Amino acid sequence: MKDEFKIITREKKTFENGLSEIIAIEFREPTMIKFESDEPLKDGELLEVRGSYVYHNGIQIGKIKIMKSANDVKANHNFDIKYTGGYSLDGTTIFLDEHFPEEIEVENKKINTMLTIGYHHELPEKWLSDEKFEYPYAHEKATGIEKEFVESLGVTWKGYCSVVDRNLRNVYSKTLEKSPPSLDLAPYLYCRDKEALNEIRKSSPE
């Protein structure tokens, strides 16, 4: 079976052997792969994966070094998350604030927010952050993945964001009572959100 992946980023630096590291994501599950290739590929180009090998236009261009799948990650809806979604430091758990609705209605369609926000934004963001990309870049790419998945569900990005944003504001306005002790604080540290960081630390168990 062929899986279609979209190139998310290509490292500008190349190794002595002329190879560059490339990261691509299949957005439906999602799944991330990292491989090396000397092909002049660009962001957004589509690739096929067959077993451990990567193909472009039917030609083998590399072998997978790292593969990460949403199937290996747990979803948790039992904590307060100031930014609504988040992830554990070790990347094995994604969080969605317990007050955020698990299902929203957008343009007469029911949308599972753990899938859209948790698995198709927070998880790719964590994957890219773990690959040493800065938070703004990881967040931007993750938003693009979330958008592509949302639109594949048959609703508009504008309509989706309108509903989500109302709930985001509601969650942020609440005082945290129980934050996960394993929460990755990178987004809060980058944004220098001292108020949120203080709340998280006070509401997280020792």
Protein backbone atom coordinates (compact mmCIF):
# COMPACT_ATOMS: atom_id res chain seq x y z
CA MET A 1 0.00 0.00 0.00
CA LYS A 2 1.26 3.47 -0.91
CA ASP A 3 1.07 6.29 1.64
CA GLU A 4 1.22 9.88 0.38
CA PHE A 5 3.35 12.32 2.35
CA LYS A 6 3.82 16.05 1.90
CA ILE A 7 7.26 17.63 2.42
CA ILE A 8 7.11 19.98 5.39
CA THR A 9 10.70 21.12 5.50
CA ARG A 10 14.11 20.44 4.01
CA GLU A 11 17.23 21.25 6.00
CA LYS A 12 19.25 23.96 4.27
CA LYS A 13 22.54 22.46 5.40
CA THR A 14 23.78 19.38 3.61
CA PHE A 15 26.06 16.63 4.80
CA GLU A 16 29.50 16.00 3.32
CA ASN A 17 27.97 13.29 1.14
CA GLY A 18 25.63 15.83 -0.45
CA LEU A 19 22.51 14.58 1.31
CA SER A 20 19.97 16.80 3.07
CA GLU A 21 17.54 15.84 5.83
CA ILE A 22 13.90 16.04 4.77
CA ILE A 23 10.78 15.85 6.93
CA ALA A 24 7.41 14.93 5.44
CA ILE A 25 4.00 14.31 6.99
CA GLU A 26 0.99 12.25 5.96
CA PHE A 27 -1.80 14.36 7.42
CA ARG A 28 -4.67 11.89 7.72
CA GLU A 29 -3.33 9.86 10.69
CA PRO A 30 -0.93 11.79 10.95
CA THR A 31 2.50 10.21 10.47
CA MET A 32 5.91 11.90 10.19
CA ILE A 33 8.98 10.59 8.39
CA LYS A 34 12.55 11.86 8.27
CA PHE A 35 14.98 10.74 5.60
CA GLU A 36 18.06 11.86 3.68
CA SER A 37 18.17 12.56 -0.05
CA ASP A 38 20.18 14.45 -2.64
CA GLU A 39 17.07 15.21 -4.73
CA PRO A 40 16.24 18.96 -5.19
CA LEU A 41 12.86 18.66 -3.48
CA LYS A 42 10.71 21.58 -2.35
CA ASP A 43 8.28 22.13 0.52
CA GLY A 44 4.80 20.95 -0.40
CA GLU A 45 5.88 18.29 -2.89
CA LEU A 46 4.20 14.90 -2.52
CA LEU A 47 6.05 11.68 -1.82
CA GLU A 48 5.11 8.02 -1.60
CA VAL A 49 6.23 5.62 1.10
CA ARG A 50 6.43 1.90 0.46
CA GLY A 51 7.74 0.01 3.44
CA SER A 52 10.97 1.73 4.54
CA TYR A 53 11.59 3.56 1.26
CA VAL A 54 10.56 6.98 -0.05
CA TYR A 55 9.62 7.60 -3.68
CA HIS A 56 9.14 10.75 -5.76
CA ASN A 57 7.41 10.42 -9.12
CA GLY A 58 7.90 6.66 -8.91
CA ILE A 59 11.66 6.87 -8.30
CA GLN A 60 13.22 5.76 -5.01
CA ILE A 61 14.95 8.75 -3.42
CA GLY A 62 15.73 7.70 0.14
CA LYS A 63 15.25 5.39 3.09
CA ILE A 64 13.33 6.36 6.22
CA LYS A 65 15.52 7.10 9.25
CA ILE A 66 12.73 8.05 11.67
CA MET A 67 8.98 7.44 11.56
CA LYS A 68 6.51 8.73 14.16
CA SER A 69 2.82 7.91 14.18
CA ALA A 70 -0.24 9.23 15.98
CA ASN A 71 -1.04 5.60 16.73
CA ASP A 72 1.76 5.61 19.30
CA VAL A 73 0.44 8.66 21.18
CA LYS A 74 -2.18 8.82 23.94
CA ALA A 75 -4.87 11.50 24.11
CA ASN A 76 -5.73 13.07 27.48
CA HIS A 77 -8.77 15.27 28.19
CA ASN A 78 -8.49 15.39 32.00
CA PHE A 79 -6.42 18.51 32.72
CA ASP A 80 -6.55 22.29 32.45
CA ILE A 81 -4.51 23.53 29.48
CA LYS A 82 -4.11 27.30 29.23
CA TYR A 83 -3.51 27.28 25.48
CA THR A 84 -6.29 24.67 25.02
CA GLY A 85 -3.97 22.06 23.49
CA GLY A 86 -0.55 20.83 24.54
CA TYR A 87 1.81 17.87 24.74
CA SER A 88 4.00 16.08 27.23
CA LEU A 89 7.74 16.65 27.31
CA ASP A 90 8.41 13.14 26.04
CA GLY A 91 5.84 13.47 23.23
CA THR A 92 3.86 10.39 24.24
CA THR A 93 0.71 12.27 25.27
CA ILE A 94 -1.30 15.09 23.76
CA PHE A 95 -3.61 17.18 25.90
CA LEU A 96 -6.86 19.02 25.24
CA ASP A 97 -8.31 21.19 28.00
CA GLU A 98 -11.06 19.36 29.86
CA HIS A 99 -13.42 22.33 29.48
CA PHE A 100 -12.94 22.52 25.72
CA PRO A 101 -15.75 20.68 23.89
CA GLU A 102 -14.67 17.34 22.45
CA GLU A 103 -17.06 17.95 19.58
CA ILE A 104 -18.07 21.20 17.89
CA GLU A 105 -20.55 21.94 15.13
CA VAL A 106 -19.19 23.74 12.09
CA GLU A 107 -21.38 24.42 9.07
CA ASN A 108 -23.79 21.65 10.14
CA LYS A 109 -21.00 19.09 10.56
CA LYS A 110 -19.78 17.54 13.81
CA ILE A 111 -16.02 18.00 14.26
CA ASN A 112 -13.89 16.03 16.74
CA THR A 113 -11.54 18.57 18.32
CA MET A 114 -9.11 16.00 19.69
CA LEU A 115 -8.51 14.97 16.09
CA THR A 116 -8.22 18.49 14.69
CA ILE A 117 -6.41 20.28 17.53
CA GLY A 118 -4.75 17.39 19.35
CA TYR A 119 -3.61 15.04 16.62
CA HIS A 120 -3.38 17.45 13.68
CA HIS A 121 -1.89 20.51 15.38
CA GLU A 122 -0.32 19.78 18.74
CA LEU A 123 1.27 16.50 17.69
CA PRO A 124 2.97 17.74 14.47
CA GLU A 125 4.06 20.84 16.39
CA LYS A 126 5.73 18.64 19.00
CA TRP A 127 7.37 16.46 16.33
CA LEU A 128 8.89 19.51 14.64
CA SER A 129 9.94 21.05 17.95
CA ASP A 130 11.74 17.82 18.82
CA GLU A 131 13.58 18.15 15.50
CA LYS A 132 15.01 21.43 16.88
CA PHE A 133 12.82 23.80 14.89
CA GLU A 134 11.86 26.97 16.75
CA TYR A 135 8.34 27.22 18.13
CA PRO A 136 6.98 29.83 15.63
CA TYR A 137 8.04 27.70 12.66
CA ALA A 138 6.68 24.49 14.20
CA HIS A 139 3.42 26.26 15.05
CA GLU A 140 3.05 27.65 11.53
CA LYS A 141 3.58 24.27 9.91
CA ALA A 142 1.24 22.57 12.40
CA THR A 143 -1.47 25.12 11.64
CA GLY A 144 -1.15 24.27 7.95
CA ILE A 145 -1.57 20.56 8.71
CA GLU A 146 -4.60 21.27 10.90
CA LYS A 147 -6.12 23.42 8.13
CA GLU A 148 -5.63 20.73 5.50
CA PHE A 149 -7.24 18.10 7.71
CA VAL A 150 -10.16 20.35 8.67
CA GLU A 151 -10.91 21.16 5.03
CA SER A 152 -10.79 17.45 4.18
CA LEU A 153 -13.75 17.05 6.56
CA GLY A 154 -15.88 19.23 4.29
CA VAL A 155 -15.93 22.50 6.24
CA THR A 156 -14.21 25.82 5.63
CA TRP A 157 -11.19 26.92 7.65
CA LYS A 158 -12.89 30.26 8.34
CA GLY A 159 -16.00 28.59 9.73
CA TYR A 160 -13.93 26.22 11.84
CA CYS A 161 -11.73 28.98 13.28
CA SER A 162 -14.78 31.06 14.16
CA VAL A 163 -16.14 28.31 16.40
CA VAL A 164 -12.77 27.27 17.83
CA ASP A 165 -11.67 30.82 18.65
CA ARG A 166 -14.73 31.43 20.83
CA ASN A 167 -13.86 28.38 22.88
CA LEU A 168 -10.15 29.25 23.00
CA ARG A 169 -10.93 32.59 24.62
CA ASN A 170 -13.21 30.91 27.14
CA VAL A 171 -10.52 28.40 28.13
CA TYR A 172 -7.77 31.02 28.44
CA SER A 173 -9.94 33.18 30.71
CA LYS A 174 -10.28 30.40 33.31
CA THR A 175 -7.89 30.09 36.23
CA LEU A 176 -6.02 26.80 36.08
CA GLU A 177 -6.78 24.25 38.79
CA LYS A 178 -4.97 21.11 37.63
CA SER A 179 -2.19 21.21 35.05
CA PRO A 180 -0.40 18.04 33.90
CA PRO A 181 3.03 17.71 35.54
CA SER A 182 4.52 16.48 32.26
CA LEU A 183 3.34 19.43 30.14
CA ASP A 184 5.94 20.82 27.71
CA LEU A 185 6.19 24.52 28.50
CA ALA A 186 8.02 25.53 25.32
CA PRO A 187 5.08 27.49 23.80
CA TYR A 188 4.59 29.48 27.01
CA LEU A 189 8.30 30.17 27.41
CA TYR A 190 8.58 31.38 23.82
CA CYS A 191 5.56 33.67 24.25
CA ARG A 192 6.96 34.87 27.60
CA ASP A 193 3.53 34.34 29.10
CA LYS A 194 4.55 34.77 32.73
CA GLU A 195 0.98 34.78 34.01
CA ALA A 196 0.21 31.46 32.34
CA LEU A 197 3.52 29.94 33.50
CA ASN A 198 2.81 30.93 37.11
CA GLU A 199 -0.67 29.42 36.92
CA ILE A 200 0.67 26.20 35.43
CA ARG A 201 3.34 25.81 38.10
CA LYS A 202 0.92 26.53 40.94
CA SER A 203 -1.71 24.12 39.62
CA SER A 204 0.64 21.26 38.72
CA PRO A 205 1.13 18.47 41.29
CA GLU A 206 4.60 18.14 42.77
